[in-house]
Amino acid sequence: MKNLIYLALLMPCLGNALEFNVNVTNCGGLTGSANDPNSECGQMKSAIENFEDLPDVSIDKYADGVADANAFALKGQSSDYADNFSYITVKPSFGLAIKGDPALLSEDPESAEGIGLGGALSVGLNMKLLPVSKIGPIDFKKLDLFASFMSYSLNQDVDGTEIDGQIGSFGLFARYRLIDSVDIVPGYLVEWGGLHLHTGIQRSSMNIDVNQKLDKETVTSGGINAEFQNGFARFGLETENTSIPVEVSTYMRLGYVFTLYGGAGFDYTLGSSDITFEADGDITEGSGFAATVDASESADGGPEATSFRSFAGLQFNVPFARLFAQVNAGIGNDLYGANFGAKFSW
């Protein structure tokens, strides 16, 4: 029962995030009172409270981690970092992010403080389509505007675990080419893409409800076995964020096959997250002993207001499309993310 809800891509950090209360309703054939630690009944109660598979960790730290990771999962999905397109680009993508100490995550996934998921369908237009070519210092052929959005519903029942939820995002971005690209080897065999400035606004949300039937467990005290049964766990997560990034990026295209790109960014983020986690069940023993166990915890938090990050990616330039993968790393925090997708440009 330690892994009450082990939703691997969503919240492994909450697999052991409850503190259980034990209420003995009937000592049955066990001697003494439940409040007497030296009696059979009291010892059984103590065995239940100390049962190693009943978790006892607070969920407070996860509220902030979930908010941070949810916003971080969308980084890199709403602009273009590897092409100077002529007219329009369409880019579907999906990403995930995790907050936690990388030295611990590989050996202990439950050490993660939060995980976020996010996806977007981005559409970008080059502003040379406008009837004017320039206003003041702004050259419209160097300016691209992007809109991104996504709404995805979850409704699954897997091995007794019911999952319902909604993941959504919406963003408006602008990219301006500060330094023009340079054709290093003629014929675009090697091209430096110049230097780009990106900014905009991104809203993201993730609402998840999980209900799971718990496995039966056996608690032993003084050779007497009691059974945990009729157990259910309920988990709820609501997080919303609004982020304003400022990024600089560049790329290098090698041949016609692939493009390497990278950059750095600053993020100003506002948001909130609310987590609730409840569980209950019955424990009975053949002589009539009966007890109920229950837990109820909640926590709220929010993302870091200001943060820095770096990013790098690889794009494969296949015919009629582009396939890319990008990694993001927070600077001065334990945020890590990755996204991948396709791109179609004209």
Protein backbone atom coordinates (compact mmCIF):
# COMPACT_ATOMS: atom_id res chain seq x y z
CA MET A 1 0.00 0.00 0.00
CA LYS A 2 3.05 2.27 0.04
CA ASN A 3 2.40 3.04 -3.61
CA LEU A 4 -1.21 4.09 -3.09
CA ILE A 5 -1.32 6.04 -6.29
CA TYR A 6 1.84 5.53 -8.31
CA LEU A 7 1.01 7.55 -11.39
CA ALA A 8 4.47 7.36 -12.90
CA LEU A 9 4.32 10.27 -15.33
CA LEU A 10 2.15 12.44 -13.16
CA MET A 11 2.91 12.35 -9.45
CA PRO A 12 5.39 9.70 -8.29
CA CYS A 13 6.27 12.07 -5.47
CA LEU A 14 2.84 11.52 -3.93
CA GLY A 15 3.19 7.75 -3.68
CA ASN A 16 3.93 8.05 0.05
CA ALA A 17 2.22 11.25 1.05
CA LEU A 18 -0.26 10.55 3.84
CA GLU A 19 -0.38 10.35 7.60
CA PHE A 20 -2.98 7.82 8.75
CA ASN A 21 -5.27 8.04 11.78
CA VAL A 22 -6.33 4.77 13.44
CA ASN A 23 -9.66 4.49 15.27
CA VAL A 24 -10.32 1.17 17.05
CA THR A 25 -14.09 0.55 17.14
CA ASN A 26 -14.04 -2.93 18.75
CA CYS A 27 -11.26 -4.84 20.50
CA GLY A 28 -13.19 -8.11 20.03
CA GLY A 29 -11.33 -11.05 21.55
CA LEU A 30 -8.14 -9.05 22.09
CA THR A 31 -7.58 -8.23 25.75
CA GLY A 32 -7.37 -4.76 27.26
CA SER A 33 -8.12 -1.32 25.94
CA ALA A 34 -6.94 0.22 22.69
CA ASN A 35 -5.47 3.05 24.78
CA ASP A 36 -3.33 0.65 26.85
CA PRO A 37 -0.05 0.12 24.95
CA ASN A 38 0.64 -3.06 26.97
CA SER A 39 -2.64 -4.81 26.10
CA GLU A 40 -3.23 -7.02 23.06
CA CYS A 41 -5.69 -4.47 21.68
CA GLY A 42 -3.32 -1.55 22.28
CA GLN A 43 -0.41 -3.43 20.73
CA MET A 44 -2.47 -4.19 17.63
CA LYS A 45 -3.36 -0.50 17.33
CA SER A 46 0.33 0.40 17.67
CA ALA A 47 1.26 -2.19 15.03
CA ILE A 48 -1.23 -0.61 12.62
CA GLU A 49 0.08 2.90 13.30
CA ASN A 50 3.66 1.76 12.74
CA PHE A 51 2.92 -0.51 9.79
CA GLU A 52 5.72 0.23 7.32
CA ASP A 53 3.40 0.28 4.31
CA LEU A 54 1.24 3.05 5.79
CA PRO A 55 2.97 6.26 4.64
CA ASP A 56 3.69 9.14 6.98
CA VAL A 57 5.12 11.99 4.89
CA SER A 58 3.57 15.45 4.53
CA ILE A 59 2.54 16.62 1.06
CA ASP A 60 3.25 20.29 1.75
CA LYS A 61 6.46 20.56 -0.31
CA TYR A 62 4.77 19.16 -3.43
CA ALA A 63 2.36 22.09 -3.91
CA ASP A 64 5.17 24.45 -4.93
CA GLY A 65 6.95 21.77 -6.96
CA VAL A 66 3.86 20.96 -9.01
CA ALA A 67 3.30 24.65 -9.84
CA ASP A 68 6.93 25.08 -10.93
CA ALA A 69 6.95 21.91 -13.04
CA ASN A 70 3.62 22.64 -14.73
CA ALA A 71 4.86 26.01 -16.01
CA PHE A 72 8.26 24.56 -16.97
CA ALA A 73 6.74 21.76 -19.07
CA LEU A 74 5.65 24.27 -21.75
CA LYS A 75 9.01 26.00 -22.17
CA GLY A 76 10.13 25.85 -25.79
CA GLN A 77 6.77 24.88 -27.26
CA SER A 78 5.34 28.26 -28.27
CA SER A 79 8.06 29.82 -30.44
CA ASP A 80 10.57 28.67 -33.08
CA TYR A 81 14.27 28.28 -32.33
CA ALA A 82 15.65 26.38 -35.34
CA ASP A 83 14.34 28.04 -38.54
CA ASN A 84 13.80 31.36 -40.25
CA PHE A 85 10.56 30.49 -42.03
CA SER A 86 9.19 32.56 -44.90
CA TYR A 87 5.44 32.72 -44.29
CA ILE A 88 3.88 30.30 -41.80
CA THR A 89 4.85 27.46 -39.47
CA VAL A 90 2.66 24.91 -37.67
CA LYS A 91 4.14 23.07 -34.69
CA PRO A 92 2.43 20.38 -32.55
CA SER A 93 4.46 19.41 -29.48
CA PHE A 94 4.32 17.76 -26.07
CA GLY A 95 6.53 18.19 -23.01
CA LEU A 96 7.07 17.17 -19.43
CA ALA A 97 9.06 18.61 -16.54
CA ILE A 98 10.20 17.44 -13.14
CA LYS A 99 11.47 19.24 -10.07
CA GLY A 100 13.94 17.38 -7.88
CA ASP A 101 17.56 16.66 -7.07
CA PRO A 102 19.01 14.85 -10.13
CA ALA A 103 21.40 12.90 -7.90
CA LEU A 104 18.40 11.29 -6.18
CA LEU A 105 15.83 10.98 -8.96
CA SER A 106 17.41 8.01 -10.75
CA GLU A 107 17.55 5.91 -7.57
CA ASP A 108 14.44 7.25 -5.84
CA PRO A 109 11.75 8.67 -8.18
CA GLU A 110 9.57 9.46 -5.15
CA SER A 111 12.10 12.15 -4.15
CA ALA A 112 10.66 14.35 -6.92
CA GLU A 113 8.91 17.47 -5.63
CA GLY A 114 6.62 17.81 -8.63
CA ILE A 115 5.92 16.75 -12.19
CA GLY A 116 4.18 18.74 -14.91
CA LEU A 117 2.76 17.86 -18.32
CA GLY A 118 1.97 20.21 -21.18
CA GLY A 119 1.30 20.30 -24.89
CA ALA A 120 0.65 22.93 -27.52
CA LEU A 121 -0.27 23.44 -31.13
CA SER A 122 1.58 26.57 -32.23
CA VAL A 123 0.97 28.56 -35.40
CA GLY A 124 3.46 31.24 -36.43
CA LEU A 125 3.24 33.96 -39.09
CA ASN A 126 6.01 36.11 -40.52
CA MET A 127 4.90 39.74 -40.52
CA LYS A 128 6.21 40.49 -44.02
CA LEU A 129 2.65 39.54 -44.98
CA LEU A 130 1.60 43.00 -43.76
CA PRO A 131 1.12 45.76 -46.35
CA VAL A 132 3.89 47.85 -44.76
CA SER A 133 7.47 46.62 -44.47
CA LYS A 134 8.72 48.69 -41.55
CA ILE A 135 7.59 50.94 -38.70
CA GLY A 136 10.41 52.84 -37.02
CA PRO A 137 13.21 50.40 -36.17
CA ILE A 138 10.94 47.33 -36.51
CA ASP A 139 11.53 45.43 -39.77
CA PHE A 140 8.47 43.23 -40.23
CA LYS A 141 10.25 40.57 -42.28
CA LYS A 142 12.33 39.89 -39.14
CA LEU A 143 9.26 39.65 -36.88
CA ASP A 144 7.26 36.47 -36.29
CA LEU A 145 4.08 36.21 -34.20
CA PHE A 146 2.87 32.94 -32.67
CA ALA A 147 -0.34 31.70 -31.09
CA SER A 148 -0.40 28.39 -29.23
CA PHE A 149 -3.19 26.42 -27.59
CA MET A 150 -4.09 22.97 -26.34
CA SER A 151 -6.92 21.32 -24.42
CA TYR A 152 -6.82 17.62 -23.58
CA SER A 153 -9.21 15.59 -21.46
CA LEU A 154 -8.20 12.54 -19.43
CA ASN A 155 -10.73 9.80 -18.74
CA GLN A 156 -9.21 6.40 -18.05
CA ASP A 157 -9.83 3.35 -15.89
CA VAL A 158 -6.70 1.22 -15.55
CA ASP A 159 -6.51 -1.72 -13.12
CA GLY A 160 -9.03 -0.19 -10.74
CA THR A 161 -7.58 3.32 -10.94
CA GLU A 162 -9.95 5.96 -12.33
CA ILE A 163 -8.27 9.05 -13.76
CA ASP A 164 -10.18 12.15 -14.86
CA GLY A 165 -8.76 15.52 -15.70
CA GLN A 166 -8.03 18.36 -18.06
CA ILE A 167 -4.71 19.73 -19.31
CA GLY A 168 -4.72 23.05 -21.16
CA SER A 169 -2.52 25.88 -22.39
CA PHE A 170 -2.74 29.13 -24.35
CA GLY A 171 0.04 31.48 -25.40
CA LEU A 172 0.89 34.51 -27.53
CA PHE A 173 4.54 35.03 -28.50
CA ALA A 174 6.74 37.25 -30.64
CA ARG A 175 10.17 36.53 -32.11
CA TYR A 176 12.49 39.16 -33.58
CA ARG A 177 15.71 38.49 -35.47
CA LEU A 178 18.34 40.78 -33.92
CA ILE A 179 21.21 39.53 -36.10
CA ASP A 180 20.66 38.09 -39.58
CA SER A 181 21.65 34.55 -40.52
CA VAL A 182 24.99 33.87 -42.21
CA ASP A 183 25.58 31.25 -44.94
CA ILE A 184 28.98 29.96 -43.78
CA VAL A 185 29.35 27.29 -46.48
CA PRO A 186 27.63 28.28 -49.75
CA GLY A 187 24.44 26.47 -50.60
CA TYR A 188 23.31 26.47 -46.95
CA LEU A 189 25.48 23.44 -46.22
CA VAL A 190 26.50 25.21 -43.02
CA GLU A 191 24.36 28.13 -41.87
CA TRP A 192 24.41 30.18 -38.69
CA GLY A 193 20.84 31.23 -37.98
CA GLY A 194 21.62 34.58 -36.39
CA LEU A 195 20.37 35.76 -33.00
CA HIS A 196 16.70 35.88 -32.00
CA LEU A 197 14.82 37.56 -29.14
CA HIS A 198 11.60 35.90 -27.93
CA THR A 199 8.92 37.05 -25.51
CA GLY A 200 5.22 36.62 -24.86
CA ILE A 201 2.73 35.27 -22.36
CA GLN A 202 1.84 31.66 -21.59
CA ARG A 203 -1.05 30.32 -19.50
CA SER A 204 -1.18 26.69 -18.45
CA SER A 205 -3.42 24.53 -16.30
CA MET A 206 -3.55 20.93 -15.10
CA ASN A 207 -6.53 19.52 -13.19
CA ILE A 208 -6.41 15.85 -12.21
CA ASP A 209 -8.69 13.64 -10.10
CA VAL A 210 -7.65 10.06 -9.30
CA ASN A 211 -9.62 7.39 -7.44
CA GLN A 212 -7.97 4.06 -6.65
CA LYS A 213 -9.01 0.93 -4.83
CA LEU A 214 -6.24 -0.13 -2.44
CA ASP A 215 -4.78 -3.62 -2.20
CA LYS A 216 -5.45 -5.77 0.84
CA GLU A 217 -2.66 -5.81 3.44
CA THR A 218 -1.94 -7.88 6.55
CA VAL A 219 -0.87 -6.34 9.87
CA THR A 220 0.68 -8.69 12.47
CA SER A 221 0.97 -8.14 16.24
CA GLY A 222 2.06 -10.86 18.67
CA GLY A 223 1.25 -13.59 16.16
CA ILE A 224 -2.25 -12.16 15.54
CA ASN A 225 -3.06 -11.12 11.97
CA ALA A 226 -5.48 -8.35 11.00
CA GLU A 227 -6.56 -7.59 7.44
CA PHE A 228 -6.75 -4.17 5.80
CA GLN A 229 -9.61 -4.12 3.27
CA ASN A 230 -12.22 -1.93 1.56
CA GLY A 231 -9.57 0.73 1.09
CA PHE A 232 -9.86 3.65 -1.30
CA ALA A 233 -7.57 6.58 -2.07
CA ARG A 234 -8.58 9.85 -3.69
CA PHE A 235 -6.14 12.39 -5.10
CA GLY A 236 -6.92 15.84 -6.52
CA LEU A 237 -4.64 18.37 -8.17
CA GLU A 238 -5.42 21.83 -9.53
CA THR A 239 -2.68 24.11 -10.80
CA GLU A 240 -2.75 27.24 -12.97
CA ASN A 241 0.14 29.44 -14.06
CA THR A 242 0.78 32.55 -16.12
CA SER A 243 4.36 32.99 -17.32
CA ILE A 244 6.13 35.81 -19.19
CA PRO A 245 9.44 34.62 -20.67
CA VAL A 246 12.26 36.59 -22.27
CA GLU A 247 14.64 34.42 -24.30
CA VAL A 248 17.59 34.70 -26.66
CA SER A 249 18.42 31.86 -29.03
CA THR A 250 20.59 30.88 -31.96
CA TYR A 251 21.04 27.86 -34.20
CA MET A 252 23.49 26.18 -36.55
CA ARG A 253 22.27 24.16 -39.52
CA LEU A 254 24.70 21.49 -40.70
CA GLY A 255 23.99 20.23 -44.19
CA TYR A 256 20.34 19.71 -44.94
CA VAL A 257 19.90 16.96 -42.37
CA PHE A 258 19.88 18.49 -38.89
CA THR A 259 20.03 21.71 -36.92
CA LEU A 260 21.51 22.33 -33.48
CA TYR A 261 20.02 25.17 -31.44
CA GLY A 262 20.21 26.61 -27.95
CA GLY A 263 19.71 29.63 -25.78
CA ALA A 264 18.83 31.03 -22.38
CA GLY A 265 15.73 32.53 -20.83
CA PHE A 266 14.30 34.48 -17.90
CA ASP A 267 10.78 33.74 -16.64
CA TYR A 268 8.38 35.79 -14.54
CA THR A 269 5.63 33.44 -13.34
CA LEU A 270 2.48 33.82 -11.26
CA GLY A 271 0.21 30.95 -10.31
CA SER A 272 -1.16 28.60 -7.71
CA SER A 273 -1.64 24.92 -6.99
CA ASP A 274 -3.95 23.01 -4.66
CA ILE A 275 -3.45 19.36 -3.72
CA THR A 276 -5.81 17.12 -1.77
CA PHE A 277 -5.13 13.52 -0.83
CA GLU A 278 -7.50 11.26 1.12
CA ALA A 279 -7.62 7.56 1.92
CA ASP A 280 -9.63 5.25 4.16
CA GLY A 281 -10.24 1.58 4.86
CA ASP A 282 -11.20 -1.04 7.45
CA ILE A 283 -9.04 -3.42 9.49
CA THR A 284 -10.59 -6.56 10.98
CA GLU A 285 -9.37 -9.65 12.85
CA GLY A 286 -11.10 -13.01 13.32
CA SER A 287 -11.88 -12.55 17.04
CA GLY A 288 -13.95 -9.42 16.37
CA PHE A 289 -11.27 -6.73 16.47
CA ALA A 290 -12.24 -3.86 14.18
CA ALA A 291 -10.68 -0.51 13.33
CA THR A 292 -10.90 2.17 10.70
CA VAL A 293 -7.96 4.01 9.18
CA ASP A 294 -8.27 7.29 7.36
CA ALA A 295 -6.16 10.16 6.17
CA SER A 296 -6.90 13.60 4.79
CA GLU A 297 -4.29 16.15 3.81
CA SER A 298 -4.25 19.23 1.64
CA ALA A 299 -1.67 21.78 0.61
CA ASP A 300 -1.43 24.86 -1.57
CA GLY A 301 1.48 26.68 -3.08
CA GLY A 302 2.77 28.54 -6.10
CA PRO A 303 5.69 28.75 -8.53
CA GLU A 304 8.90 30.72 -8.15
CA ALA A 305 8.17 34.27 -9.30
CA THR A 306 11.48 34.72 -11.14
CA SER A 307 13.83 32.11 -12.56
CA PHE A 308 16.49 31.54 -15.20
CA ARG A 309 17.02 28.57 -17.49
CA SER A 310 19.04 27.30 -20.43
CA PHE A 311 17.90 25.10 -23.30
CA ALA A 312 19.30 23.12 -26.22
CA GLY A 313 17.75 21.08 -28.98
CA LEU A 314 18.28 18.99 -32.08
CA GLN A 315 16.08 19.22 -35.17
CA PHE A 316 16.01 16.69 -38.01
CA ASN A 317 15.14 18.27 -41.34
CA VAL A 318 13.26 15.47 -43.09
CA PRO A 319 11.35 16.13 -46.35
CA PHE A 320 8.20 18.22 -45.88
CA ALA A 321 8.64 18.37 -42.09
CA ARG A 322 10.95 18.99 -39.16
CA LEU A 323 11.26 16.69 -36.14
CA PHE A 324 12.77 18.11 -32.97
CA ALA A 325 13.62 17.34 -29.36
CA GLN A 326 14.58 19.92 -26.74
CA VAL A 327 15.87 19.79 -23.18
CA ASN A 328 15.47 22.58 -20.61
CA ALA A 329 17.42 23.06 -17.38
CA GLY A 330 16.72 25.57 -14.64
CA ILE A 331 19.61 27.70 -13.42
CA GLY A 332 19.83 27.84 -9.64
CA ASN A 333 16.94 25.42 -9.11
CA ASP A 334 16.19 21.72 -9.65
CA LEU A 335 13.86 22.06 -12.64
CA TYR A 336 14.39 19.88 -15.71
CA GLY A 337 12.22 19.41 -18.75
CA ALA A 338 12.04 17.98 -22.25
CA ASN A 339 9.71 18.39 -25.19
CA PHE A 340 9.44 16.94 -28.65
CA GLY A 341 7.30 17.48 -31.71
CA ALA A 342 7.04 18.16 -35.41
CA LYS A 343 7.05 21.32 -37.48
CA PHE A 344 5.72 22.19 -40.93
CA SER A 345 6.92 25.45 -42.48
CA TRP A 346 6.32 27.36 -45.67
